[in-house]
C-alpha atoms as a PDB file:
ATOM      1  CA  MET A   1     -19.924   8.298 -27.348  1.00  0.00           C
ATOM      2  CA  THR A   2     -17.177   5.408 -28.508  1.00  0.00           C
ATOM      3  CA  ASN A   3     -13.805   7.180 -27.958  1.00  0.00           C
ATOM      4  CA  THR A   4     -11.462   6.727 -31.219  1.00  0.00           C
ATOM      5  CA  SER A   5      -9.354   9.906 -30.777  1.00  0.00           C
ATOM      6  CA  LYS A   6      -7.458   8.289 -27.924  1.00  0.00           C
ATOM      7  CA  ILE A   7      -6.791  11.360 -26.272  1.00  0.00           C
ATOM      8  CA  LEU A   8      -6.609  10.010 -23.333  1.00  0.00           C
ATOM      9  CA  GLN A   9      -4.597   7.727 -23.570  1.00  0.00           C
ATOM     10  CA  ASP A  10      -0.869   8.637 -22.487  1.00  0.00           C
ATOM     11  CA  LYS A  11       2.657   7.621 -23.725  1.00  0.00           C
ATOM     12  CA  HIS A  12       2.520   4.349 -21.449  1.00  0.00           C
ATOM     13  CA  GLY A  13      -0.367   3.784 -22.137  1.00  0.00           C
ATOM     14  CA  ARG A  14      -2.679   4.453 -19.660  1.00  0.00           C
ATOM     15  CA  ASN A  15      -6.019   5.379 -20.070  1.00  0.00           C
ATOM     16  CA  HIS A  16      -7.527   8.394 -18.186  1.00  0.00           C
ATOM     17  CA  SER A  17     -11.419   7.833 -17.378  1.00  0.00           C
ATOM     18  CA  TYR A  18     -11.373   9.944 -14.027  1.00  0.00           C
ATOM     19  CA  LEU A  19     -11.583  12.928 -13.514  1.00  0.00           C
ATOM     20  CA  ARG A  20     -11.564  15.108 -10.677  1.00  0.00           C
ATOM     21  CA  ILE A  21     -12.540  19.012 -10.585  1.00  0.00           C
ATOM     22  CA  SER A  22     -12.122  21.100  -7.790  1.00  0.00           C
ATOM     23  CA  LEU A  23     -14.729  23.487  -8.314  1.00  0.00           C
ATOM     24  CA  ILE A  24     -13.338  26.887  -5.331  1.00  0.00           C
ATOM     25  CA  GLU A  25     -10.097  27.660  -3.677  1.00  0.00           C
ATOM     26  CA  ARG A  26     -11.836  28.571  -0.227  1.00  0.00           C
ATOM     27  CA  CYS A  27     -12.912  25.910   2.335  1.00  0.00           C
ATOM     28  CA  ASN A  28     -14.574  26.461   6.343  1.00  0.00           C
ATOM     29  CA  LEU A  29     -11.206  24.613   7.329  1.00  0.00           C
ATOM     30  CA  ARG A  30      -7.535  24.792   7.528  1.00  0.00           C
ATOM     31  CA  CYS A  31      -6.195  22.044   7.385  1.00  0.00           C
ATOM     32  CA  THR A  32      -2.429  22.095   8.110  1.00  0.00           C
ATOM     33  CA  TYR A  33      -1.035  19.742   5.444  1.00  0.00           C
ATOM     34  CA  CYS A  34      -3.485  21.157   3.076  1.00  0.00           C
ATOM     35  CA  MET A  35      -3.420  24.806   3.416  1.00  0.00           C
ATOM     36  CA  PRO A  36      -0.264  26.816   4.351  1.00  0.00           C
ATOM     37  CA  GLU A  37      -0.195  28.837   7.800  1.00  0.00           C
ATOM     38  CA  ALA A  38      -0.757  32.245   6.204  1.00  0.00           C
ATOM     39  CA  GLY A  39      -2.939  31.115   3.900  1.00  0.00           C
ATOM     40  CA  VAL A  40      -3.064  31.021  -0.254  1.00  0.00           C
ATOM     41  CA  GLN A  41      -3.427  33.632  -2.775  1.00  0.00           C
ATOM     42  CA  LEU A  42      -6.959  33.430  -4.332  1.00  0.00           C
ATOM     43  CA  SER A  43      -7.841  33.594  -8.392  1.00  0.00           C
ATOM     44  CA  PRO A  44      -9.814  36.270  -8.996  1.00  0.00           C
ATOM     45  CA  LYS A  45     -13.716  35.100  -9.458  1.00  0.00           C
ATOM     46  CA  SER A  46     -13.419  36.059 -12.805  1.00  0.00           C
ATOM     47  CA  HIS A  47     -10.619  33.503 -13.050  1.00  0.00           C
ATOM     48  CA  LEU A  48     -12.944  30.699 -11.936  1.00  0.00           C
ATOM     49  CA  MET A  49     -14.934  28.316 -14.301  1.00  0.00           C
ATOM     50  CA  THR A  50     -18.337  29.221 -14.211  1.00  0.00           C
ATOM     51  CA  TYR A  51     -20.992  26.549 -13.526  1.00  0.00           C
ATOM     52  CA  GLU A  52     -22.011  26.457 -16.923  1.00  0.00           C
ATOM     53  CA  GLU A  53     -17.912  26.224 -17.747  1.00  0.00           C
ATOM     54  CA  VAL A  54     -17.483  22.814 -15.290  1.00  0.00           C
ATOM     55  CA  TYR A  55     -20.690  21.540 -17.584  1.00  0.00           C
ATOM     56  CA  SER A  56     -19.013  22.185 -20.864  1.00  0.00           C
ATOM     57  CA  ILE A  57     -15.699  21.071 -19.860  1.00  0.00           C
ATOM     58  CA  ALA A  58     -16.661  17.978 -18.334  1.00  0.00           C
ATOM     59  CA  LYS A  59     -18.777  16.885 -21.231  1.00  0.00           C
ATOM     60  CA  THR A  60     -15.669  17.085 -23.625  1.00  0.00           C
ATOM     61  CA  PHE A  61     -13.518  14.786 -21.497  1.00  0.00           C
ATOM     62  CA  VAL A  62     -16.965  12.291 -21.268  1.00  0.00           C
ATOM     63  CA  ASP A  63     -17.320  12.739 -24.768  1.00  0.00           C
ATOM     64  CA  GLN A  64     -13.347  11.511 -24.921  1.00  0.00           C
ATOM     65  CA  GLY A  65     -14.172   8.195 -22.588  1.00  0.00           C
ATOM     66  CA  VAL A  66     -13.674  10.001 -18.570  1.00  0.00           C
ATOM     67  CA  THR A  67     -16.799   7.891 -16.883  1.00  0.00           C
ATOM     68  CA  LYS A  68     -15.826   9.113 -13.384  1.00  0.00           C
ATOM     69  CA  ILE A  69     -16.373  12.455 -11.941  1.00  0.00           C
ATOM     70  CA  ARG A  70     -15.716  13.598  -8.785  1.00  0.00           C
ATOM     71  CA  LEU A  71     -16.266  17.140  -7.481  1.00  0.00           C
ATOM     72  CA  THR A  72     -13.274  18.723  -4.505  1.00  0.00           C
ATOM     73  CA  GLY A  73     -12.640  21.725  -3.273  1.00  0.00           C
ATOM     74  CA  GLY A  74     -10.985  23.481  -1.214  1.00  0.00           C
ATOM     75  CA  GLU A  75     -14.708  22.548   0.179  1.00  0.00           C
ATOM     76  CA  PRO A  76     -16.858  21.987  -2.839  1.00  0.00           C
ATOM     77  CA  LEU A  77     -20.345  22.812  -0.708  1.00  0.00           C
ATOM     78  CA  ILE A  78     -19.556  25.921  -0.107  1.00  0.00           C
ATOM     79  CA  ARG A  79     -19.690  26.824  -3.555  1.00  0.00           C
ATOM     80  CA  LYS A  80     -23.232  28.984  -3.566  1.00  0.00           C
ATOM     81  CA  ASP A  81     -24.235  27.334  -7.309  1.00  0.00           C
ATOM     82  CA  ILE A  82     -23.335  23.510  -6.284  1.00  0.00           C
ATOM     83  CA  PRO A  83     -27.134  22.495  -6.398  1.00  0.00           C
ATOM     84  CA  VAL A  84     -26.922  23.814 -10.143  1.00  0.00           C
ATOM     85  CA  ILE A  85     -23.544  21.955 -11.000  1.00  0.00           C
ATOM     86  CA  ILE A  86     -24.302  18.912  -9.398  1.00  0.00           C
ATOM     87  CA  GLU A  87     -27.560  18.811 -11.259  1.00  0.00           C
ATOM     88  CA  LYS A  88     -26.292  19.525 -14.897  1.00  0.00           C
ATOM     89  CA  LEU A  89     -22.956  16.950 -14.196  1.00  0.00           C
ATOM     90  CA  ALA A  90     -26.120  14.380 -13.034  1.00  0.00           C
ATOM     91  CA  THR A  91     -27.084  14.383 -17.207  1.00  0.00           C
ATOM     92  CA  LEU A  92     -23.858  13.146 -18.223  1.00  0.00           C
ATOM     93  CA  PRO A  93     -23.293   9.366 -18.572  1.00  0.00           C
ATOM     94  CA  VAL A  94     -20.437   8.878 -15.149  1.00  0.00           C
ATOM     95  CA  GLU A  95     -20.237   7.740 -12.129  1.00  0.00           C
ATOM     96  CA  LEU A  96     -20.692  11.361  -9.928  1.00  0.00           C
ATOM     97  CA  SER A  97     -19.275  11.819  -6.439  1.00  0.00           C
ATOM     98  CA  ILE A  98     -17.614  14.381  -4.415  1.00  0.00           C
ATOM     99  CA  THR A  99     -15.226  15.199  -1.800  1.00  0.00           C
ATOM    100  CA  THR A 100     -15.844  17.127   1.679  1.00  0.00           C
ATOM    101  CA  ASN A 101     -14.626  17.533   4.797  1.00  0.00           C
ATOM    102  CA  ALA A 102     -18.945  17.389   5.767  1.00  0.00           C
ATOM    103  CA  VAL A 103     -19.244  20.505   7.684  1.00  0.00           C
ATOM    104  CA  ILE A 104     -22.547  21.479   5.930  1.00  0.00           C
ATOM    105  CA  ILE A 105     -23.966  18.476   3.981  1.00  0.00           C
ATOM    106  CA  ASP A 106     -26.426  17.652   6.070  1.00  0.00           C
ATOM    107  CA  ARG A 107     -27.909  20.783   3.850  1.00  0.00           C
ATOM    108  CA  PHE A 108     -27.323  18.982   0.573  1.00  0.00           C
ATOM    109  CA  ILE A 109     -28.696  14.938   1.344  1.00  0.00           C
ATOM    110  CA  ASP A 110     -31.611  15.901  -0.996  1.00  0.00           C
ATOM    111  CA  VAL A 111     -29.420  17.292  -4.223  1.00  0.00           C
ATOM    112  CA  LEU A 112     -26.812  14.452  -3.557  1.00  0.00           C
ATOM    113  CA  LYS A 113     -29.598  11.822  -3.357  1.00  0.00           C
ATOM    114  CA  ASP A 114     -32.258  13.374  -6.400  1.00  0.00           C
ATOM    115  CA  ASN A 115     -29.265  13.558  -8.551  1.00  0.00           C
ATOM    116  CA  GLY A 116     -27.773   9.916  -7.719  1.00  0.00           C
ATOM    117  CA  VAL A 117     -24.845  10.692  -5.572  1.00  0.00           C
ATOM    118  CA  LYS A 118     -23.907   8.108  -3.952  1.00  0.00           C
ATOM    119  CA  ASN A 119     -20.150   7.759  -3.254  1.00  0.00           C
ATOM    120  CA  ILE A 120     -18.914  10.687  -0.538  1.00  0.00           C
ATOM    121  CA  ASN A 121     -15.374  10.779   0.251  1.00  0.00           C
ATOM    122  CA  ILE A 122     -15.173  12.429   4.209  1.00  0.00           C
ATOM    123  CA  SER A 123     -11.715  13.926   5.322  1.00  0.00           C
ATOM    124  CA  LEU A 124     -11.448  13.424   9.145  1.00  0.00           C
ATOM    125  CA  ASP A 125      -7.591  13.408  10.381  1.00  0.00           C
ATOM    126  CA  SER A 126      -8.852  12.348  14.252  1.00  0.00           C
ATOM    127  CA  LEU A 127     -11.136  10.888  16.364  1.00  0.00           C
ATOM    128  CA  LYS A 128     -10.329  13.084  19.257  1.00  0.00           C
ATOM    129  CA  LYS A 129     -12.110  17.151  19.262  1.00  0.00           C
ATOM    130  CA  GLU A 130      -8.725  18.134  20.323  1.00  0.00           C
ATOM    131  CA  LYS A 131      -6.408  16.994  17.967  1.00  0.00           C
ATOM    132  CA  PHE A 132      -9.337  17.694  14.963  1.00  0.00           C
ATOM    133  CA  ALA A 133      -9.004  21.614  16.080  1.00  0.00           C
ATOM    134  CA  SER A 134      -5.521  21.420  16.440  1.00  0.00           C
ATOM    135  CA  ILE A 135      -4.932  20.205  12.257  1.00  0.00           C
ATOM    136  CA  THR A 136      -8.095  22.065  11.190  1.00  0.00           C
ATOM    137  CA  ARG A 137      -7.672  25.375  13.612  1.00  0.00           C
ATOM    138  CA  ARG A 138     -11.419  24.940  13.495  1.00  0.00           C
ATOM    139  CA  ASN A 139     -13.625  23.578  15.937  1.00  0.00           C
ATOM    140  CA  GLN A 140     -16.232  21.426  14.381  1.00  0.00           C
ATOM    141  CA  PHE A 141     -15.336  18.012  15.329  1.00  0.00           C
ATOM    142  CA  ASP A 142     -19.004  17.516  16.460  1.00  0.00           C
ATOM    143  CA  LYS A 143     -20.937  18.677  13.488  1.00  0.00           C
ATOM    144  CA  VAL A 144     -18.996  16.230  11.576  1.00  0.00           C
ATOM    145  CA  TYR A 145     -18.690  13.496  13.516  1.00  0.00           C
ATOM    146  CA  GLU A 146     -23.083  13.986  13.624  1.00  0.00           C
ATOM    147  CA  ASN A 147     -23.044  13.972   9.682  1.00  0.00           C
ATOM    148  CA  ILE A 148     -20.942  11.464   9.108  1.00  0.00           C
ATOM    149  CA  LEU A 149     -23.204   9.110  10.991  1.00  0.00           C
ATOM    150  CA  MET A 150     -26.334  10.490   9.354  1.00  0.00           C
ATOM    151  CA  LEU A 151     -24.750   9.955   6.059  1.00  0.00           C
ATOM    152  CA  ILE A 152     -24.504   6.293   7.216  1.00  0.00           C
ATOM    153  CA  LYS A 153     -28.260   6.154   8.032  1.00  0.00           C
ATOM    154  CA  GLU A 154     -28.985   7.637   4.242  1.00  0.00           C
ATOM    155  CA  GLY A 155     -27.690   4.470   2.917  1.00  0.00           C
ATOM    156  CA  PHE A 156     -24.506   6.942   1.175  1.00  0.00           C
ATOM    157  CA  ASN A 157     -21.404   4.399   0.692  1.00  0.00           C
ATOM    158  CA  VAL A 158     -19.026   6.597   3.048  1.00  0.00           C
ATOM    159  CA  LYS A 159     -15.177   6.666   2.578  1.00  0.00           C
ATOM    160  CA  ILE A 160     -13.275   8.411   5.435  1.00  0.00           C
ATOM    161  CA  ASN A 161      -9.941   9.393   4.705  1.00  0.00           C
ATOM    162  CA  ALA A 162      -7.286  10.265   7.325  1.00  0.00           C
ATOM    163  CA  VAL A 163      -3.660  11.833   6.504  1.00  0.00           C
ATOM    164  CA  LEU A 164      -1.692   9.876   9.152  1.00  0.00           C
ATOM    165  CA  ILE A 165       1.250  12.356  10.165  1.00  0.00           C
ATOM    166  CA  LYS A 166       4.018  11.056  12.880  1.00  0.00           C
ATOM    167  CA  ASP A 167       3.276  11.840  16.728  1.00  0.00           C
ATOM    168  CA  PHE A 168       0.202  13.598  16.255  1.00  0.00           C
ATOM    169  CA  ASN A 169      -2.307  11.243  15.094  1.00  0.00           C
ATOM    170  CA  GLU A 170      -0.699   7.503  14.301  1.00  0.00           C
ATOM    171  CA  ASP A 171      -1.741   6.775  17.387  1.00  0.00           C
ATOM    172  CA  GLU A 172      -5.424   6.665  16.212  1.00  0.00           C
ATOM    173  CA  ILE A 173      -4.462   3.867  13.677  1.00  0.00           C
ATOM    174  CA  VAL A 174      -6.454   1.146  15.765  1.00  0.00           C
ATOM    175  CA  ASP A 175      -9.024   3.644  17.035  1.00  0.00           C
ATOM    176  CA  PHE A 176      -9.745   4.613  13.404  1.00  0.00           C
ATOM    177  CA  ILE A 177      -9.887   0.492  12.315  1.00  0.00           C
ATOM    178  CA  GLN A 178     -12.315   0.159  15.310  1.00  0.00           C
ATOM    179  CA  PHE A 179     -14.738   2.908  13.734  1.00  0.00           C
ATOM    180  CA  THR A 180     -15.197   0.271  11.350  1.00  0.00           C
ATOM    181  CA  LYS A 181     -16.358  -2.677  13.951  1.00  0.00           C
ATOM    182  CA  ALA A 182     -20.094  -1.708  13.833  1.00  0.00           C
ATOM    183  CA  HIS A 183     -20.066   1.437  11.002  1.00  0.00           C
ATOM    184  CA  PRO A 184     -19.879   0.325   7.089  1.00  0.00           C
ATOM    185  CA  VAL A 185     -17.468   2.598   6.188  1.00  0.00           C
ATOM    186  CA  SER A 186     -13.774   2.401   4.620  1.00  0.00           C
ATOM    187  CA  PHE A 187     -11.048   4.435   6.717  1.00  0.00           C
ATOM    188  CA  ARG A 188      -8.525   5.257   4.173  1.00  0.00           C
ATOM    189  CA  PHE A 189      -5.258   5.988   5.930  1.00  0.00           C
ATOM    190  CA  ILE A 190      -2.979   8.121   3.484  1.00  0.00           C
ATOM    191  CA  GLU A 191       1.247   9.056   3.096  1.00  0.00           C
ATOM    192  CA  PHE A 192       1.848  12.544   4.010  1.00  0.00           C
ATOM    193  CA  MET A 193       2.252  14.315   0.412  1.00  0.00           C
ATOM    194  CA  PRO A 194       4.786  17.392  -0.191  1.00  0.00           C
ATOM    195  CA  PHE A 195       2.860  20.224  -1.238  1.00  0.00           C
ATOM    196  CA  ASP A 196       3.745  23.917  -0.974  1.00  0.00           C
ATOM    197  CA  GLY A 197       3.596  25.143   2.558  1.00  0.00           C
ATOM    198  CA  ASN A 198       2.239  22.065   4.127  1.00  0.00           C
ATOM    199  CA  LYS A 199       6.148  21.771   6.122  1.00  0.00           C
ATOM    200  CA  TRP A 200       6.346  18.003   4.512  1.00  0.00           C
ATOM    201  CA  ASP A 201       9.455  16.090   5.231  1.00  0.00           C
ATOM    202  CA  MET A 202       9.833  12.585   5.406  1.00  0.00           C
ATOM    203  CA  SER A 203      10.182  11.966   9.242  1.00  0.00           C
ATOM    204  CA  LYS A 204       6.830  13.038   9.427  1.00  0.00           C
ATOM    205  CA  MET A 205       5.597  10.875   7.402  1.00  0.00           C
ATOM    206  CA  VAL A 206       3.512   7.215   8.548  1.00  0.00           C
ATOM    207  CA  SER A 207       4.396   4.512   5.434  1.00  0.00           C
ATOM    208  CA  TYR A 208       2.301   1.748   4.757  1.00  0.00           C
ATOM    209  CA  LYS A 209       4.768  -0.468   6.407  1.00  0.00           C
ATOM    210  CA  ASP A 210       4.220   1.455   9.558  1.00  0.00           C
ATOM    211  CA  VAL A 211       0.044   1.228   9.395  1.00  0.00           C
ATOM    212  CA  MET A 212       1.022  -2.756   9.082  1.00  0.00           C
ATOM    213  CA  ASP A 213       2.915  -3.011  11.836  1.00  0.00           C
ATOM    214  CA  ARG A 214       0.370  -1.867  13.976  1.00  0.00           C
ATOM    215  CA  VAL A 215      -2.405  -3.652  12.253  1.00  0.00           C
ATOM    216  CA  HIS A 216      -0.770  -6.852  13.075  1.00  0.00           C
ATOM    217  CA  LYS A 217       0.476  -5.637  16.215  1.00  0.00           C
ATOM    218  CA  ALA A 218      -3.506  -4.958  17.333  1.00  0.00           C
ATOM    219  CA  PHE A 219      -5.322  -8.298  15.466  1.00  0.00           C
ATOM    220  CA  LEU A 220      -4.953 -11.771  15.161  1.00  0.00           C
ATOM    221  CA  GLU A 221      -2.919 -12.732  11.950  1.00  0.00           C
ATOM    222  CA  ASN A 222      -6.360 -14.747  11.101  1.00  0.00           C
ATOM    223  CA  LYS A 223      -8.725 -11.937  11.989  1.00  0.00           C
ATOM    224  CA  ILE A 224      -6.927  -9.686   8.622  1.00  0.00           C
ATOM    225  CA  GLU A 225      -8.289  -9.959   5.542  1.00  0.00           C
ATOM    226  CA  ARG A 226      -7.000  -8.598   2.477  1.00  0.00           C
ATOM    227  CA  LEU A 227      -9.264  -7.472   0.071  1.00  0.00           C
ATOM    228  CA  GLN A 228      -9.362  -7.326  -3.720  1.00  0.00           C
ATOM    229  CA  ASP A 229      -8.866  -3.980  -4.668  1.00  0.00           C
ATOM    230  CA  ALA A 230     -10.602  -2.626  -7.755  1.00  0.00           C
ATOM    231  CA  PRO A 231      -8.993  -1.894 -10.804  1.00  0.00           C
ATOM    232  CA  ASN A 232      -7.496   1.366 -11.109  1.00  0.00           C
ATOM    233  CA  ASP A 233      -7.412   1.796  -7.426  1.00  0.00           C
ATOM    234  CA  THR A 234      -4.748   3.872  -5.483  1.00  0.00           C
ATOM    235  CA  SER A 235      -5.352   2.032  -2.066  1.00  0.00           C
ATOM    236  CA  LYS A 236      -4.903  -1.388  -0.808  1.00  0.00           C
ATOM    237  CA  ASN A 237      -7.857  -2.369   1.183  1.00  0.00           C
ATOM    238  CA  TYR A 238      -8.310  -4.863   4.225  1.00  0.00           C
ATOM    239  CA  LYS A 239     -11.084  -5.380   6.840  1.00  0.00           C
ATOM    240  CA  ILE A 240     -11.065  -7.092  10.405  1.00  0.00           C
ATOM    241  CA  LYS A 241     -12.979 -10.334  10.080  1.00  0.00           C
ATOM    242  CA  GLY A 242     -16.478  -9.531  11.288  1.00  0.00           C
ATOM    243  CA  TYR A 243     -16.294  -5.659  10.794  1.00  0.00           C
ATOM    244  CA  ALA A 244     -18.838  -4.046   9.236  1.00  0.00           C
ATOM    245  CA  GLY A 245     -16.523  -1.780   7.309  1.00  0.00           C
ATOM    246  CA  SER A 246     -12.875  -2.045   6.240  1.00  0.00           C
ATOM    247  CA  PHE A 247      -9.634  -0.321   6.025  1.00  0.00           C
ATOM    248  CA  ALA A 248      -7.242   1.038   3.430  1.00  0.00           C
ATOM    249  CA  ILE A 249      -3.994   2.464   2.742  1.00  0.00           C
ATOM    250  CA  ILE A 250      -2.990   4.983   0.206  1.00  0.00           C
ATOM    251  CA  SER A 251       0.889   4.663  -0.248  1.00  0.00           C
ATOM    252  CA  SER A 252       1.624   7.483  -2.691  1.00  0.00           C
ATOM    253  CA  VAL A 253       5.323   8.194  -1.266  1.00  0.00           C
ATOM    254  CA  THR A 254       6.604   4.748  -0.160  1.00  0.00           C
ATOM    255  CA  ASN A 255       4.321   2.792  -2.741  1.00  0.00           C
ATOM    256  CA  PRO A 256       3.077   4.876  -5.409  1.00  0.00           C
ATOM    257  CA  PHE A 257       0.179   3.367  -8.023  1.00  0.00           C
ATOM    258  CA  CYS A 258       1.217   5.217 -10.773  1.00  0.00           C
ATOM    259  CA  ASP A 259       1.218   2.144 -13.074  1.00  0.00           C
ATOM    260  CA  SER A 260      -2.239   2.158 -13.046  1.00  0.00           C
ATOM    261  CA  CYS A 261      -3.297   5.652 -12.583  1.00  0.00           C
ATOM    262  CA  ASN A 262      -6.577   6.669 -14.928  1.00  0.00           C
ATOM    263  CA  ARG A 263      -7.132   9.994 -12.968  1.00  0.00           C
ATOM    264  CA  LEU A 264      -6.792  13.627 -14.390  1.00  0.00           C
ATOM    265  CA  ARG A 265      -7.280  16.967 -12.400  1.00  0.00           C
ATOM    266  CA  LEU A 266      -9.648  20.363 -13.339  1.00  0.00           C
ATOM    267  CA  THR A 267      -8.172  22.658 -10.962  1.00  0.00           C
ATOM    268  CA  ALA A 268     -11.407  25.451  -9.826  1.00  0.00           C
ATOM    269  CA  ASN A 269      -9.143  28.029 -12.520  1.00  0.00           C
ATOM    270  CA  GLY A 270      -9.316  25.660 -15.359  1.00  0.00           C
ATOM    271  CA  GLN A 271      -5.868  24.359 -15.584  1.00  0.00           C
ATOM    272  CA  LEU A 272      -5.679  20.586 -15.896  1.00  0.00           C
ATOM    273  CA  LYS A 273      -2.561  18.922 -14.244  1.00  0.00           C
ATOM    274  CA  ASN A 274      -2.133  15.309 -15.166  1.00  0.00           C
ATOM    275  CA  CYS A 275      -0.694  14.256 -11.665  1.00  0.00           C
ATOM    276  CA  LEU A 276      -0.789  15.393  -8.439  1.00  0.00           C
ATOM    277  CA  PHE A 277       2.938  16.082  -7.347  1.00  0.00           C
ATOM    278  CA  SER A 278       3.135  17.310 -10.956  1.00  0.00           C
ATOM    279  CA  SER A 279       3.708  21.242 -11.336  1.00  0.00           C
ATOM    280  CA  GLY A 280       2.905  21.395 -14.735  1.00  0.00           C
ATOM    281  CA  GLU A 281       0.020  22.616 -16.031  1.00  0.00           C
ATOM    282  CA  SER A 282      -2.190  23.055 -19.114  1.00  0.00           C
ATOM    283  CA  ASP A 283      -5.072  26.108 -19.619  1.00  0.00           C
ATOM    284  CA  ILE A 284      -8.159  24.265 -20.292  1.00  0.00           C
ATOM    285  CA  LEU A 285     -10.059  27.638 -19.323  1.00  0.00           C
ATOM    286  CA  GLY A 286      -8.595  29.994 -21.616  1.00  0.00           C
ATOM    287  CA  ALA A 287      -8.596  27.856 -24.767  1.00  0.00           C
ATOM    288  CA  PHE A 288     -12.560  27.483 -24.393  1.00  0.00           C
ATOM    289  CA  ARG A 289     -13.144  31.095 -23.049  1.00  0.00           C
ATOM    290  CA  ALA A 290     -10.777  31.613 -26.670  1.00  0.00           C
ATOM    291  CA  GLY A 291     -13.208  29.907 -28.408  1.00  0.00           C
ATOM    292  CA  LYS A 292     -11.403  27.053 -29.453  1.00  0.00           C
ATOM    293  CA  SER A 293     -11.108  23.288 -29.087  1.00  0.00           C
ATOM    294  CA  ILE A 294     -10.113  22.245 -25.537  1.00  0.00           C
ATOM    295  CA  GLU A 295      -9.289  18.747 -27.232  1.00  0.00           C
ATOM    296  CA  PRO A 296      -5.342  19.186 -28.786  1.00  0.00           C
ATOM    297  CA  VAL A 297      -4.649  21.123 -25.016  1.00  0.00           C
ATOM    298  CA  ILE A 298      -6.362  17.735 -23.213  1.00  0.00           C
ATOM    299  CA  LYS A 299      -4.177  15.449 -25.602  1.00  0.00           C
ATOM    300  CA  LYS A 300      -0.924  17.180 -24.933  1.00  0.00           C
ATOM    301  CA  ALA A 301      -0.989  17.668 -21.497  1.00  0.00           C
ATOM    302  CA  VAL A 302      -1.669  14.107 -20.947  1.00  0.00           C
ATOM    303  CA  GLN A 303       0.792  12.988 -23.270  1.00  0.00           C
ATOM    304  CA  ALA A 304       3.065  15.140 -20.890  1.00  0.00           C
ATOM    305  CA  LYS A 305       2.489  13.156 -18.050  1.00  0.00           C
ATOM    306  CA  HIS A 306       5.568  11.250 -16.678  1.00  0.00           C
ATOM    307  CA  PHE A 307       5.133   7.784 -15.606  1.00  0.00           C
ATOM    308  CA  MET A 308       5.692   7.918 -11.700  1.00  0.00           C
ATOM    309  CA  ARG A 309       5.079  11.279  -9.495  1.00  0.00           C
ATOM    310  CA  GLY A 310       5.769  13.809 -12.064  1.00  0.00           C
ATOM    311  CA  GLY A 311       8.878  13.141 -12.578  1.00  0.00           C
ATOM    312  CA  MET A 312      10.182  11.858  -8.705  1.00  0.00           C
ATOM    313  CA  ASP A 313      10.079   8.521 -10.041  1.00  0.00           C
ATOM    314  CA  THR A 314      12.771   7.982  -6.103  1.00  0.00           C
ATOM    315  CA  LEU A 315      12.012   8.838  -2.987  1.00  0.00           C
ATOM    316  CA  GLU A 316      15.465  11.178  -3.105  1.00  0.00           C
ATOM    317  CA  LYS A 317      14.554  13.343  -5.848  1.00  0.00           C
ATOM    318  CA  LEU A 318      10.987  13.756  -3.698  1.00  0.00           C
ATOM    319  CA  GLN A 319      12.808  14.990  -0.742  1.00  0.00           C
ATOM    320  CA  GLU A 320      14.339  18.112  -3.408  1.00  0.00           C
ATOM    321  CA  PRO A 321      12.139  20.755  -1.794  1.00  0.00           C
ATOM    322  CA  LYS A 322      12.545  22.520  -4.894  1.00  0.00           C
ATOM    323  CA  ARG A 323      10.712  20.067  -7.073  1.00  0.00           C
ATOM    324  CA  HIS A 324       7.185  20.277  -4.419  1.00  0.00           C
ATOM    325  CA  SER A 325       7.909  23.711  -4.079  1.00  0.00           C
ATOM    326  CA  ASN A 326       6.587  24.652  -7.401  1.00  0.00           C
ATOM    327  CA  ASN A 327       3.681  22.850  -7.306  1.00  0.00           C
ATOM    328  CA  ARG A 328       0.541  24.081  -6.020  1.00  0.00           C
ATOM    329  CA  SER A 329      -1.041  24.257  -2.271  1.00  0.00           C
ATOM    330  CA  MET A 330      -3.488  20.902  -1.947  1.00  0.00           C
ATOM    331  CA  ILE A 331      -6.205  23.112  -1.322  1.00  0.00           C
ATOM    332  CA  THR A 332      -5.987  24.931  -4.591  1.00  0.00           C
ATOM    333  CA  ILE A 333      -5.813  21.616  -6.619  1.00  0.00           C
ATOM    334  CA  GLY A 334      -8.215  20.000  -5.311  1.00  0.00           C
ATOM    335  CA  GLY A 335      -8.442  16.971  -2.732  1.00  0.00           C
END
């Protein structure tokens, strides 16, 4: 279908063709940067989108121009009807992908393959078992590592996301890159970002510059290759010449990519967020259940999108706690 209504184009001229759908607010890990220590207030089950609602709402977005959908959580694979959701969404003319912690992904290999899901993003913040247990509050490192190797062997396109936190895992940057020597994955370093309950401050952040300083100390200059970034890419991509894989840096804080942002986020309880950093939400599910068209709600939400980081267009604004403490915890937004 040709999109002529332009409801996915914001006032800054950005077209939004990428929808991230959170399917669940629960997770089988408890990562410190994602879930507050005390947990979160979960939405009642009746407030969450059913698989039929996920499909119908997603179809409206696709009819208006969305070409890529990523399933997130919490941990999307712990949702009991995840095979049905994947099968339904796979009938839409989109690139369908998933973000997971990979703890139980081995149970879903056939479902993913049968429905053309080739791109898998996996969260892994340490290659050391003790550190993994510390940040996830669970002892699942061996299972995750084993499943990553299995996904590579099965031919999936694997990206591994590591949130860098100062004095915790920044000393593993070179080890992460060395993992790409034999494995055709993209290891992506993500700057620690502020969300409700994750005790963020600038002093804990490892910046794009910090990463590259370590890269330049560890590798010869003529071995570090800058790769061509894809359109609307959130990451700056590199590889070490001769290595099977690559690495990238997602610098949402120090060097944001807002000018080319094409992303929208739908939470598990049916709220549309036009920006990861924004505390504003638009009730898609409420309108849908009331039998109303959701297109006006989508259009209004897209038009309200700020140019940068939900209106936090300076680092000074970003460091004001009240600006991000009103936002959700990451686990209830979707990775």
